[in-house]
Amino acid sequence: MEVKASQALRQGKGSSLWNAVQAVELGNAHAVVSAGNTGAYMAIAMFRLRTMQGVHRPALATRWPTMKGGYTIMLDVGANVEADAEQLVEFAIMGEAFARGF
């Protein structure tokens, strides 16, 4: 948990987090669930999986149940301290695409 994202990227090969992201990359898994260092996870995921064209910064997303029995999607739940207008538009587009899957 104390490892900086840059250090995890340099020294993380073979770690459980590295292997989990690699499993997604290779198609052996659909997602990664981690209770570990979020910064390290995001750095490894960006390095291994890259971002889609036009996406400059990934966003963490969560699905929250609503009072009406459905769900709402919330993006940027902690990964970014600052986001500019362009990134917020990217988050909105990603959120809409993510929500279509539910």
PDB file of N, CA and C in Angstrom:
ATOM      1  N   MET A   1       0.811  -1.199   0.000  1.00  0.00           N
ATOM      2  CA  MET A   1       0.000   0.000   0.000  1.00  0.00           C
ATOM      3  C   MET A   1       0.855   1.264   0.000  1.00  0.00           C
ATOM      4  N   GLU A   2       2.051   1.197   0.546  1.00  0.00           N
ATOM      5  CA  GLU A   2       2.896   2.381   0.669  1.00  0.00           C
ATOM      6  C   GLU A   2       3.704   2.655  -0.599  1.00  0.00           C
ATOM      7  N   VAL A   3       3.690   1.745  -1.544  1.00  0.00           N
ATOM      8  CA  VAL A   3       4.493   1.871  -2.755  1.00  0.00           C
ATOM      9  C   VAL A   3       3.901   2.955  -3.651  1.00  0.00           C
ATOM     10  N   LYS A   4       4.774   3.820  -4.173  1.00  0.00           N
ATOM     11  CA  LYS A   4       4.329   4.834  -5.124  1.00  0.00           C
ATOM     12  C   LYS A   4       3.971   4.165  -6.445  1.00  0.00           C
ATOM     13  N   ALA A   5       3.074   4.793  -7.198  1.00  0.00           N
ATOM     14  CA  ALA A   5       2.632   4.232  -8.471  1.00  0.00           C
ATOM     15  C   ALA A   5       3.813   3.992  -9.410  1.00  0.00           C
ATOM     16  N   SER A   6       4.741   4.935  -9.486  1.00  0.00           N
ATOM     17  CA  SER A   6       5.899   4.788 -10.367  1.00  0.00           C
ATOM     18  C   SER A   6       6.772   3.612  -9.951  1.00  0.00           C
ATOM     19  N   GLN A   7       6.904   3.407  -8.647  1.00  0.00           N
ATOM     20  CA  GLN A   7       7.700   2.289  -8.146  1.00  0.00           C
ATOM     21  C   GLN A   7       7.006   0.962  -8.453  1.00  0.00           C
ATOM     22  N   ALA A   8       5.693   0.912  -8.295  1.00  0.00           N
ATOM     23  CA  ALA A   8       4.939  -0.303  -8.602  1.00  0.00           C
ATOM     24  C   ALA A   8       5.077  -0.658 -10.073  1.00  0.00           C
ATOM     25  N   LEU A   9       5.112   0.348 -10.915  1.00  0.00           N
ATOM     26  CA  LEU A   9       5.255   0.126 -12.346  1.00  0.00           C
ATOM     27  C   LEU A   9       6.631  -0.443 -12.675  1.00  0.00           C
ATOM     28  N   ARG A  10       7.666   0.091 -12.026  1.00  0.00           N
ATOM     29  CA  ARG A  10       9.035  -0.381 -12.279  1.00  0.00           C
ATOM     30  C   ARG A  10       9.314  -1.750 -11.671  1.00  0.00           C
ATOM     31  N   GLN A  11       8.769  -1.997 -10.489  1.00  0.00           N
ATOM     32  CA  GLN A  11       9.124  -3.209  -9.747  1.00  0.00           C
ATOM     33  C   GLN A  11       7.970  -4.197  -9.610  1.00  0.00           C
ATOM     34  N   GLY A  12       6.823  -3.893 -10.216  1.00  0.00           N
ATOM     35  CA  GLY A  12       5.625  -4.692  -9.982  1.00  0.00           C
ATOM     36  C   GLY A  12       5.496  -5.962 -10.789  1.00  0.00           C
ATOM     37  N   LYS A  13       6.348  -6.154 -11.791  1.00  0.00           N
ATOM     38  CA  LYS A  13       6.221  -7.342 -12.632  1.00  0.00           C
ATOM     39  C   LYS A  13       6.258  -8.604 -11.768  1.00  0.00           C
ATOM     40  N   GLY A  14       5.236  -9.421 -11.943  1.00  0.00           N
ATOM     41  CA  GLY A  14       5.142 -10.646 -11.160  1.00  0.00           C
ATOM     42  C   GLY A  14       4.300 -10.501  -9.900  1.00  0.00           C
ATOM     43  N   SER A  15       3.944  -9.262  -9.547  1.00  0.00           N
ATOM     44  CA  SER A  15       3.103  -9.059  -8.360  1.00  0.00           C
ATOM     45  C   SER A  15       1.675  -9.511  -8.674  1.00  0.00           C
ATOM     46  N   SER A  16       0.876  -9.700  -7.638  1.00  0.00           N
ATOM     47  CA  SER A  16      -0.504 -10.129  -7.850  1.00  0.00           C
ATOM     48  C   SER A  16      -1.281  -9.107  -8.662  1.00  0.00           C
ATOM     49  N   LEU A  17      -1.019  -7.833  -8.428  1.00  0.00           N
ATOM     50  CA  LEU A  17      -1.709  -6.789  -9.176  1.00  0.00           C
ATOM     51  C   LEU A  17      -1.298  -6.806 -10.646  1.00  0.00           C
ATOM     52  N   TRP A  18      -0.019  -6.938 -10.901  1.00  0.00           N
ATOM     53  CA  TRP A  18       0.483  -7.033 -12.274  1.00  0.00           C
ATOM     54  C   TRP A  18      -0.141  -8.233 -12.974  1.00  0.00           C
ATOM     55  N   ASN A  19      -0.158  -9.377 -12.281  1.00  0.00           N
ATOM     56  CA  ASN A  19      -0.709 -10.602 -12.864  1.00  0.00           C
ATOM     57  C   ASN A  19      -2.207 -10.490 -13.120  1.00  0.00           C
ATOM     58  N   ALA A  20      -2.931  -9.791 -12.244  1.00  0.00           N
ATOM     59  CA  ALA A  20      -4.368  -9.618 -12.434  1.00  0.00           C
ATOM     60  C   ALA A  20      -4.647  -8.773 -13.677  1.00  0.00           C
ATOM     61  N   VAL A  21      -3.923  -7.687 -13.846  1.00  0.00           N
ATOM     62  CA  VAL A  21      -4.093  -6.841 -15.030  1.00  0.00           C
ATOM     63  C   VAL A  21      -3.684  -7.610 -16.283  1.00  0.00           C
ATOM     64  N   GLN A  22      -2.633  -8.391 -16.194  1.00  0.00           N
ATOM     65  CA  GLN A  22      -2.190  -9.199 -17.325  1.00  0.00           C
ATOM     66  C   GLN A  22      -3.263 -10.221 -17.712  1.00  0.00           C
ATOM     67  N   ALA A  23      -3.973 -10.774 -16.735  1.00  0.00           N
ATOM     68  CA  ALA A  23      -5.043 -11.726 -17.030  1.00  0.00           C
ATOM     69  C   ALA A  23      -6.148 -11.068 -17.852  1.00  0.00           C
ATOM     70  N   VAL A  24      -6.463  -9.809 -17.564  1.00  0.00           N
ATOM     71  CA  VAL A  24      -7.440  -9.064 -18.364  1.00  0.00           C
ATOM     72  C   VAL A  24      -6.878  -8.835 -19.766  1.00  0.00           C
ATOM     73  N   GLU A  25      -5.630  -8.425 -19.833  1.00  0.00           N
ATOM     74  CA  GLU A  25      -4.983  -8.156 -21.116  1.00  0.00           C
ATOM     75  C   GLU A  25      -5.009  -9.386 -22.025  1.00  0.00           C
ATOM     76  N   LEU A  26      -4.789 -10.555 -21.444  1.00  0.00           N
ATOM     77  CA  LEU A  26      -4.730 -11.795 -22.218  1.00  0.00           C
ATOM     78  C   LEU A  26      -6.103 -12.416 -22.466  1.00  0.00           C
ATOM     79  N   GLY A  27      -7.146 -11.830 -21.880  1.00  0.00           N
ATOM     80  CA  GLY A  27      -8.492 -12.356 -22.063  1.00  0.00           C
ATOM     81  C   GLY A  27      -8.862 -13.469 -21.106  1.00  0.00           C
ATOM     82  N   ASN A  28      -8.034 -13.697 -20.090  1.00  0.00           N
ATOM     83  CA  ASN A  28      -8.316 -14.742 -19.103  1.00  0.00           C
ATOM     84  C   ASN A  28      -9.215 -14.241 -17.977  1.00  0.00           C
ATOM     85  N   ALA A  29      -9.468 -12.945 -17.924  1.00  0.00           N
ATOM     86  CA  ALA A  29     -10.350 -12.333 -16.930  1.00  0.00           C
ATOM     87  C   ALA A  29     -11.031 -11.140 -17.575  1.00  0.00           C
ATOM     88  N   HIS A  30     -12.173 -10.752 -17.012  1.00  0.00           N
ATOM     89  CA  HIS A  30     -12.922  -9.613 -17.545  1.00  0.00           C
ATOM     90  C   HIS A  30     -12.691  -8.346 -16.733  1.00  0.00           C
ATOM     91  N   ALA A  31     -12.215  -8.493 -15.501  1.00  0.00           N
ATOM     92  CA  ALA A  31     -12.076  -7.335 -14.617  1.00  0.00           C
ATOM     93  C   ALA A  31     -11.049  -7.640 -13.540  1.00  0.00           C
ATOM     94  N   VAL A  32     -10.637  -6.583 -12.848  1.00  0.00           N
ATOM     95  CA  VAL A  32      -9.753  -6.707 -11.699  1.00  0.00           C
ATOM     96  C   VAL A  32     -10.445  -6.047 -10.515  1.00  0.00           C
ATOM     97  N   VAL A  33     -10.471  -6.742  -9.414  1.00  0.00           N
ATOM     98  CA  VAL A  33     -10.977  -6.188  -8.160  1.00  0.00           C
ATOM     99  C   VAL A  33      -9.797  -6.136  -7.213  1.00  0.00           C
ATOM    100  N   SER A  34      -9.561  -4.961  -6.648  1.00  0.00           N
ATOM    101  CA  SER A  34      -8.403  -4.808  -5.790  1.00  0.00           C
ATOM    102  C   SER A  34      -8.744  -3.980  -4.563  1.00  0.00           C
ATOM    103  N   ALA A  35      -8.241  -4.399  -3.437  1.00  0.00           N
ATOM    104  CA  ALA A  35      -8.333  -3.611  -2.210  1.00  0.00           C
ATOM    105  C   ALA A  35      -6.970  -3.005  -1.904  1.00  0.00           C
ATOM    106  N   GLY A  36      -6.104  -3.037  -2.889  1.00  0.00           N
ATOM    107  CA  GLY A  36      -4.740  -2.549  -2.703  1.00  0.00           C
ATOM    108  C   GLY A  36      -4.569  -1.101  -3.095  1.00  0.00           C
ATOM    109  N   ASN A  37      -3.369  -0.755  -3.474  1.00  0.00           N
ATOM    110  CA  ASN A  37      -2.975   0.601  -3.813  1.00  0.00           C
ATOM    111  C   ASN A  37      -3.604   1.003  -5.154  1.00  0.00           C
ATOM    112  N   THR A  38      -4.571   1.922  -5.118  1.00  0.00           N
ATOM    113  CA  THR A  38      -5.288   2.331  -6.320  1.00  0.00           C
ATOM    114  C   THR A  38      -4.365   3.007  -7.326  1.00  0.00           C
ATOM    115  N   GLY A  39      -3.457   3.838  -6.857  1.00  0.00           N
ATOM    116  CA  GLY A  39      -2.519   4.495  -7.760  1.00  0.00           C
ATOM    117  C   GLY A  39      -1.653   3.494  -8.500  1.00  0.00           C
ATOM    118  N   ALA A  40      -1.180   2.487  -7.789  1.00  0.00           N
ATOM    119  CA  ALA A  40      -0.360   1.447  -8.416  1.00  0.00           C
ATOM    120  C   ALA A  40      -1.184   0.675  -9.440  1.00  0.00           C
ATOM    121  N   TYR A  41      -2.419   0.348  -9.073  1.00  0.00           N
ATOM    122  CA  TYR A  41      -3.296  -0.377  -9.996  1.00  0.00           C
ATOM    123  C   TYR A  41      -3.530   0.426 -11.267  1.00  0.00           C
ATOM    124  N   MET A  42      -3.837   1.714 -11.130  1.00  0.00           N
ATOM    125  CA  MET A  42      -4.112   2.546 -12.300  1.00  0.00           C
ATOM    126  C   MET A  42      -2.865   2.681 -13.179  1.00  0.00           C
ATOM    127  N   ALA A  43      -1.698   2.823 -12.574  1.00  0.00           N
ATOM    128  CA  ALA A  43      -0.454   2.941 -13.343  1.00  0.00           C
ATOM    129  C   ALA A  43      -0.184   1.658 -14.130  1.00  0.00           C
ATOM    130  N   ILE A  44      -0.325   0.519 -13.478  1.00  0.00           N
ATOM    131  CA  ILE A  44      -0.085  -0.759 -14.153  1.00  0.00           C
ATOM    132  C   ILE A  44      -1.126  -0.981 -15.244  1.00  0.00           C
ATOM    133  N   ALA A  45      -2.383  -0.682 -14.970  1.00  0.00           N
ATOM    134  CA  ALA A  45      -3.441  -0.865 -15.960  1.00  0.00           C
ATOM    135  C   ALA A  45      -3.224   0.037 -17.172  1.00  0.00           C
ATOM    136  N   MET A  46      -2.849   1.289 -16.940  1.00  0.00           N
ATOM    137  CA  MET A  46      -2.605   2.191 -18.075  1.00  0.00           C
ATOM    138  C   MET A  46      -1.415   1.713 -18.904  1.00  0.00           C
ATOM    139  N   PHE A  47      -0.394   1.195 -18.241  1.00  0.00           N
ATOM    140  CA  PHE A  47       0.787   0.710 -18.943  1.00  0.00           C
ATOM    141  C   PHE A  47       0.464  -0.548 -19.749  1.00  0.00           C
ATOM    142  N   ARG A  48      -0.235  -1.493 -19.118  1.00  0.00           N
ATOM    143  CA  ARG A  48      -0.510  -2.780 -19.767  1.00  0.00           C
ATOM    144  C   ARG A  48      -1.654  -2.705 -20.768  1.00  0.00           C
ATOM    145  N   LEU A  49      -2.724  -2.004 -20.411  1.00  0.00           N
ATOM    146  CA  LEU A  49      -3.938  -2.032 -21.227  1.00  0.00           C
ATOM    147  C   LEU A  49      -4.090  -0.821 -22.145  1.00  0.00           C
ATOM    148  N   ARG A  50      -3.383   0.257 -21.827  1.00  0.00           N
ATOM    149  CA  ARG A  50      -3.480   1.524 -22.556  1.00  0.00           C
ATOM    150  C   ARG A  50      -4.894   2.093 -22.397  1.00  0.00           C
ATOM    151  N   THR A  51      -5.074   3.309 -22.876  1.00  0.00           N
ATOM    152  CA  THR A  51      -6.400   3.902 -22.865  1.00  0.00           C
ATOM    153  C   THR A  51      -6.929   3.933 -24.288  1.00  0.00           C
ATOM    154  N   MET A  52      -8.242   4.074 -24.415  1.00  0.00           N
ATOM    155  CA  MET A  52      -8.850   4.186 -25.729  1.00  0.00           C
ATOM    156  C   MET A  52      -8.406   5.493 -26.384  1.00  0.00           C
ATOM    157  N   GLN A  53      -8.445   5.529 -27.684  1.00  0.00           N
ATOM    158  CA  GLN A  53      -8.116   6.757 -28.399  1.00  0.00           C
ATOM    159  C   GLN A  53      -9.061   7.866 -27.935  1.00  0.00           C
ATOM    160  N   GLY A  54      -8.505   9.016 -27.629  1.00  0.00           N
ATOM    161  CA  GLY A  54      -9.307  10.146 -27.174  1.00  0.00           C
ATOM    162  C   GLY A  54      -9.499  10.205 -25.675  1.00  0.00           C
ATOM    163  N   VAL A  55      -9.069   9.188 -24.969  1.00  0.00           N
ATOM    164  CA  VAL A  55      -9.176   9.177 -23.504  1.00  0.00           C
ATOM    165  C   VAL A  55      -7.795   9.443 -22.935  1.00  0.00           C
ATOM    166  N   HIS A  56      -7.671  10.518 -22.182  1.00  0.00           N
ATOM    167  CA  HIS A  56      -6.370  10.900 -21.646  1.00  0.00           C
ATOM    168  C   HIS A  56      -6.148  10.426 -20.224  1.00  0.00           C
ATOM    169  N   ARG A  57      -7.228  10.178 -19.510  1.00  0.00           N
ATOM    170  CA  ARG A  57      -7.113   9.781 -18.111  1.00  0.00           C
ATOM    171  C   ARG A  57      -8.254   8.825 -17.785  1.00  0.00           C
ATOM    172  N   PRO A  58      -7.936   7.683 -17.206  1.00  0.00           N
ATOM    173  CA  PRO A  58      -9.009   6.750 -16.843  1.00  0.00           C
ATOM    174  C   PRO A  58      -9.797   7.264 -15.645  1.00  0.00           C
ATOM    175  N   ALA A  59     -10.958   6.692 -15.445  1.00  0.00           N
ATOM    176  CA  ALA A  59     -11.785   7.047 -14.293  1.00  0.00           C
ATOM    177  C   ALA A  59     -12.258   5.778 -13.607  1.00  0.00           C
ATOM    178  N   LEU A  60     -12.203   5.762 -12.310  1.00  0.00           N
ATOM    179  CA  LEU A  60     -12.796   4.661 -11.564  1.00  0.00           C
ATOM    180  C   LEU A  60     -14.306   4.830 -11.615  1.00  0.00           C
ATOM    181  N   ALA A  61     -15.017   3.740 -11.732  1.00  0.00           N
ATOM    182  CA  ALA A  61     -16.475   3.803 -11.808  1.00  0.00           C
ATOM    183  C   ALA A  61     -17.085   2.850 -10.799  1.00  0.00           C
ATOM    184  N   THR A  62     -18.285   3.201 -10.380  1.00  0.00           N
ATOM    185  CA  THR A  62     -19.029   2.321  -9.494  1.00  0.00           C
ATOM    186  C   THR A  62     -20.496   2.350  -9.890  1.00  0.00           C
ATOM    187  N   ARG A  63     -21.183   1.292  -9.608  1.00  0.00           N
ATOM    188  CA  ARG A  63     -22.612   1.179  -9.879  1.00  0.00           C
ATOM    189  C   ARG A  63     -23.325   1.227  -8.534  1.00  0.00           C
ATOM    190  N   TRP A  64     -24.181   2.231  -8.357  1.00  0.00           N
ATOM    191  CA  TRP A  64     -24.910   2.403  -7.089  1.00  0.00           C
ATOM    192  C   TRP A  64     -26.379   2.097  -7.288  1.00  0.00           C
ATOM    193  N   PRO A  65     -26.983   1.356  -6.360  1.00  0.00           N
ATOM    194  CA  PRO A  65     -28.425   1.104  -6.458  1.00  0.00           C
ATOM    195  C   PRO A  65     -29.215   2.385  -6.158  1.00  0.00           C
ATOM    196  N   THR A  66     -30.345   2.536  -6.832  1.00  0.00           N
ATOM    197  CA  THR A  66     -31.201   3.696  -6.612  1.00  0.00           C
ATOM    198  C   THR A  66     -32.418   3.287  -5.802  1.00  0.00           C
ATOM    199  N   MET A  67     -33.142   4.271  -5.297  1.00  0.00           N
ATOM    200  CA  MET A  67     -34.361   4.009  -4.519  1.00  0.00           C
ATOM    201  C   MET A  67     -35.449   3.369  -5.380  1.00  0.00           C
ATOM    202  N   LYS A  68     -35.389   3.542  -6.690  1.00  0.00           N
ATOM    203  CA  LYS A  68     -36.401   3.006  -7.598  1.00  0.00           C
ATOM    204  C   LYS A  68     -36.097   1.581  -8.044  1.00  0.00           C
ATOM    205  N   GLY A  69     -35.036   1.014  -7.539  1.00  0.00           N
ATOM    206  CA  GLY A  69     -34.699  -0.370  -7.873  1.00  0.00           C
ATOM    207  C   GLY A  69     -33.707  -0.526  -9.012  1.00  0.00           C
ATOM    208  N   GLY A  70     -33.312   0.551  -9.624  1.00  0.00           N
ATOM    209  CA  GLY A  70     -32.325   0.477 -10.699  1.00  0.00           C
ATOM    210  C   GLY A  70     -30.936   0.815 -10.182  1.00  0.00           C
ATOM    211  N   TYR A  71     -30.109   1.242 -11.092  1.00  0.00           N
ATOM    212  CA  TYR A  71     -28.738   1.612 -10.744  1.00  0.00           C
ATOM    213  C   TYR A  71     -28.368   2.915 -11.419  1.00  0.00           C
ATOM    214  N   THR A  72     -27.424   3.590 -10.844  1.00  0.00           N
ATOM    215  CA  THR A  72     -26.805   4.752 -11.469  1.00  0.00           C
ATOM    216  C   THR A  72     -25.295   4.516 -11.483  1.00  0.00           C
ATOM    217  N   ILE A  73     -24.640   5.058 -12.474  1.00  0.00           N
ATOM    218  CA  ILE A  73     -23.194   4.891 -12.609  1.00  0.00           C
ATOM    219  C   ILE A  73     -22.526   6.194 -12.175  1.00  0.00           C
ATOM    220  N   MET A  74     -21.516   6.086 -11.340  1.00  0.00           N
ATOM    221  CA  MET A  74     -20.749   7.260 -10.934  1.00  0.00           C
ATOM    222  C   MET A  74     -19.298   7.032 -11.320  1.00  0.00           C
ATOM    223  N   LEU A  75     -18.734   8.001 -12.041  1.00  0.00           N
ATOM    224  CA  LEU A  75     -17.337   7.922 -12.452  1.00  0.00           C
ATOM    225  C   LEU A  75     -16.486   8.883 -11.662  1.00  0.00           C
ATOM    226  N   ASP A  76     -15.206   8.618 -11.713  1.00  0.00           N
ATOM    227  CA  ASP A  76     -14.196   9.432 -11.037  1.00  0.00           C
ATOM    228  C   ASP A  76     -14.417   9.400  -9.533  1.00  0.00           C
ATOM    229  N   VAL A  77     -14.519   8.196  -9.009  1.00  0.00           N
ATOM    230  CA  VAL A  77     -14.773   8.014  -7.578  1.00  0.00           C
ATOM    231  C   VAL A  77     -13.475   7.901  -6.781  1.00  0.00           C
ATOM    232  N   GLY A  78     -12.559   8.822  -7.044  1.00  0.00           N
ATOM    233  CA  GLY A  78     -11.382   8.886  -6.213  1.00  0.00           C
ATOM    234  C   GLY A  78     -10.044   8.868  -6.908  1.00  0.00           C
ATOM    235  N   ALA A  79     -10.009   8.609  -8.198  1.00  0.00           N
ATOM    236  CA  ALA A  79      -8.708   8.491  -8.860  1.00  0.00           C
ATOM    237  C   ALA A  79      -8.094   9.832  -9.200  1.00  0.00           C
ATOM    238  N   ASN A  80      -8.909  10.837  -9.425  1.00  0.00           N
ATOM    239  CA  ASN A  80      -8.402  12.114  -9.906  1.00  0.00           C
ATOM    240  C   ASN A  80      -8.691  13.228  -8.908  1.00  0.00           C
ATOM    241  N   VAL A  81      -7.645  13.914  -8.516  1.00  0.00           N
ATOM    242  CA  VAL A  81      -7.816  15.059  -7.622  1.00  0.00           C
ATOM    243  C   VAL A  81      -8.267  16.267  -8.429  1.00  0.00           C
ATOM    244  N   GLU A  82      -7.753  16.394  -9.633  1.00  0.00           N
ATOM    245  CA  GLU A  82      -8.110  17.501 -10.506  1.00  0.00           C
ATOM    246  C   GLU A  82      -8.512  16.942 -11.863  1.00  0.00           C
ATOM    247  N   ALA A  83      -9.521  17.531 -12.464  1.00  0.00           N
ATOM    248  CA  ALA A  83      -9.911  17.167 -13.821  1.00  0.00           C
ATOM    249  C   ALA A  83     -10.349  18.441 -14.536  1.00  0.00           C
ATOM    250  N   ASP A  84      -9.879  18.600 -15.773  1.00  0.00           N
ATOM    251  CA  ASP A  84     -10.280  19.782 -16.526  1.00  0.00           C
ATOM    252  C   ASP A  84     -11.562  19.481 -17.304  1.00  0.00           C
ATOM    253  N   ALA A  85     -12.080  20.469 -18.001  1.00  0.00           N
ATOM    254  CA  ALA A  85     -13.355  20.335 -18.707  1.00  0.00           C
ATOM    255  C   ALA A  85     -13.304  19.222 -19.752  1.00  0.00           C
ATOM    256  N   GLU A  86     -12.194  19.117 -20.465  1.00  0.00           N
ATOM    257  CA  GLU A  86     -12.063  18.080 -21.493  1.00  0.00           C
ATOM    258  C   GLU A  86     -12.136  16.683 -20.865  1.00  0.00           C
ATOM    259  N   GLN A  87     -11.472  16.485 -19.729  1.00  0.00           N
ATOM    260  CA  GLN A  87     -11.506  15.192 -19.059  1.00  0.00           C
ATOM    261  C   GLN A  87     -12.902  14.884 -18.530  1.00  0.00           C
ATOM    262  N   LEU A  88     -13.616  15.886 -18.049  1.00  0.00           N
ATOM    263  CA  LEU A  88     -14.987  15.654 -17.576  1.00  0.00           C
ATOM    264  C   LEU A  88     -15.886  15.196 -18.715  1.00  0.00           C
ATOM    265  N   VAL A  89     -15.689  15.752 -19.903  1.00  0.00           N
ATOM    266  CA  VAL A  89     -16.456  15.296 -21.068  1.00  0.00           C
ATOM    267  C   VAL A  89     -16.096  13.850 -21.381  1.00  0.00           C
ATOM    268  N   GLU A  90     -14.805  13.514 -21.337  1.00  0.00           N
ATOM    269  CA  GLU A  90     -14.387  12.130 -21.564  1.00  0.00           C
ATOM    270  C   GLU A  90     -15.025  11.198 -20.535  1.00  0.00           C
ATOM    271  N   PHE A  91     -15.057  11.606 -19.270  1.00  0.00           N
ATOM    272  CA  PHE A  91     -15.679  10.798 -18.222  1.00  0.00           C
ATOM    273  C   PHE A  91     -17.160  10.576 -18.523  1.00  0.00           C
ATOM    274  N   ALA A  92     -17.839  11.622 -18.988  1.00  0.00           N
ATOM    275  CA  ALA A  92     -19.261  11.514 -19.307  1.00  0.00           C
ATOM    276  C   ALA A  92     -19.493  10.505 -20.433  1.00  0.00           C
ATOM    277  N   ILE A  93     -18.658  10.561 -21.451  1.00  0.00           N
ATOM    278  CA  ILE A  93     -18.784   9.621 -22.568  1.00  0.00           C
ATOM    279  C   ILE A  93     -18.514   8.197 -22.100  1.00  0.00           C
ATOM    280  N   MET A  94     -17.466   8.019 -21.296  1.00  0.00           N
ATOM    281  CA  MET A  94     -17.162   6.680 -20.778  1.00  0.00           C
ATOM    282  C   MET A  94     -18.285   6.176 -19.879  1.00  0.00           C
ATOM    283  N   GLY A  95     -18.825   7.048 -19.046  1.00  0.00           N
ATOM    284  CA  GLY A  95     -19.912   6.657 -18.144  1.00  0.00           C
ATOM    285  C   GLY A  95     -21.144   6.235 -18.895  1.00  0.00           C
ATOM    286  N   GLU A  96     -21.486   6.959 -19.960  1.00  0.00           N
ATOM    287  CA  GLU A  96     -22.643   6.613 -20.757  1.00  0.00           C
ATOM    288  C   GLU A  96     -22.446   5.250 -21.418  1.00  0.00           C
ATOM    289  N   ALA A  97     -21.254   5.018 -21.956  1.00  0.00           N
ATOM    290  CA  ALA A  97     -20.963   3.720 -22.582  1.00  0.00           C
ATOM    291  C   ALA A  97     -21.008   2.593 -21.545  1.00  0.00           C
ATOM    292  N   PHE A  98     -20.478   2.852 -20.370  1.00  0.00           N
ATOM    293  CA  PHE A  98     -20.496   1.854 -19.296  1.00  0.00           C
ATOM    294  C   PHE A  98     -21.923   1.548 -18.870  1.00  0.00           C
ATOM    295  N   ALA A  99     -22.754   2.581 -18.728  1.00  0.00           N
ATOM    296  CA  ALA A  99     -24.131   2.412 -18.286  1.00  0.00           C
ATOM    297  C   ALA A  99     -24.960   1.629 -19.306  1.00  0.00           C
ATOM    298  N   ARG A 100     -24.632   1.753 -20.587  1.00  0.00           N
ATOM    299  CA  ARG A 100     -25.360   0.997 -21.615  1.00  0.00           C
ATOM    300  C   ARG A 100     -25.234  -0.499 -21.403  1.00  0.00           C
ATOM    301  N   GLY A 101     -24.149  -0.932 -20.766  1.00  0.00           N
ATOM    302  CA  GLY A 101     -23.936  -2.361 -20.521  1.00  0.00           C
ATOM    303  C   GLY A 101     -24.823  -2.931 -19.426  1.00  0.00           C
ATOM    304  N   PHE A 102     -25.557  -2.075 -18.726  1.00  0.00           N
ATOM    305  CA  PHE A 102     -26.410  -2.558 -17.629  1.00  0.00           C
ATOM    306  C   PHE A 102     -27.836  -2.439 -18.019  1.00  0.00           C
TER     307      PHE A 102
END
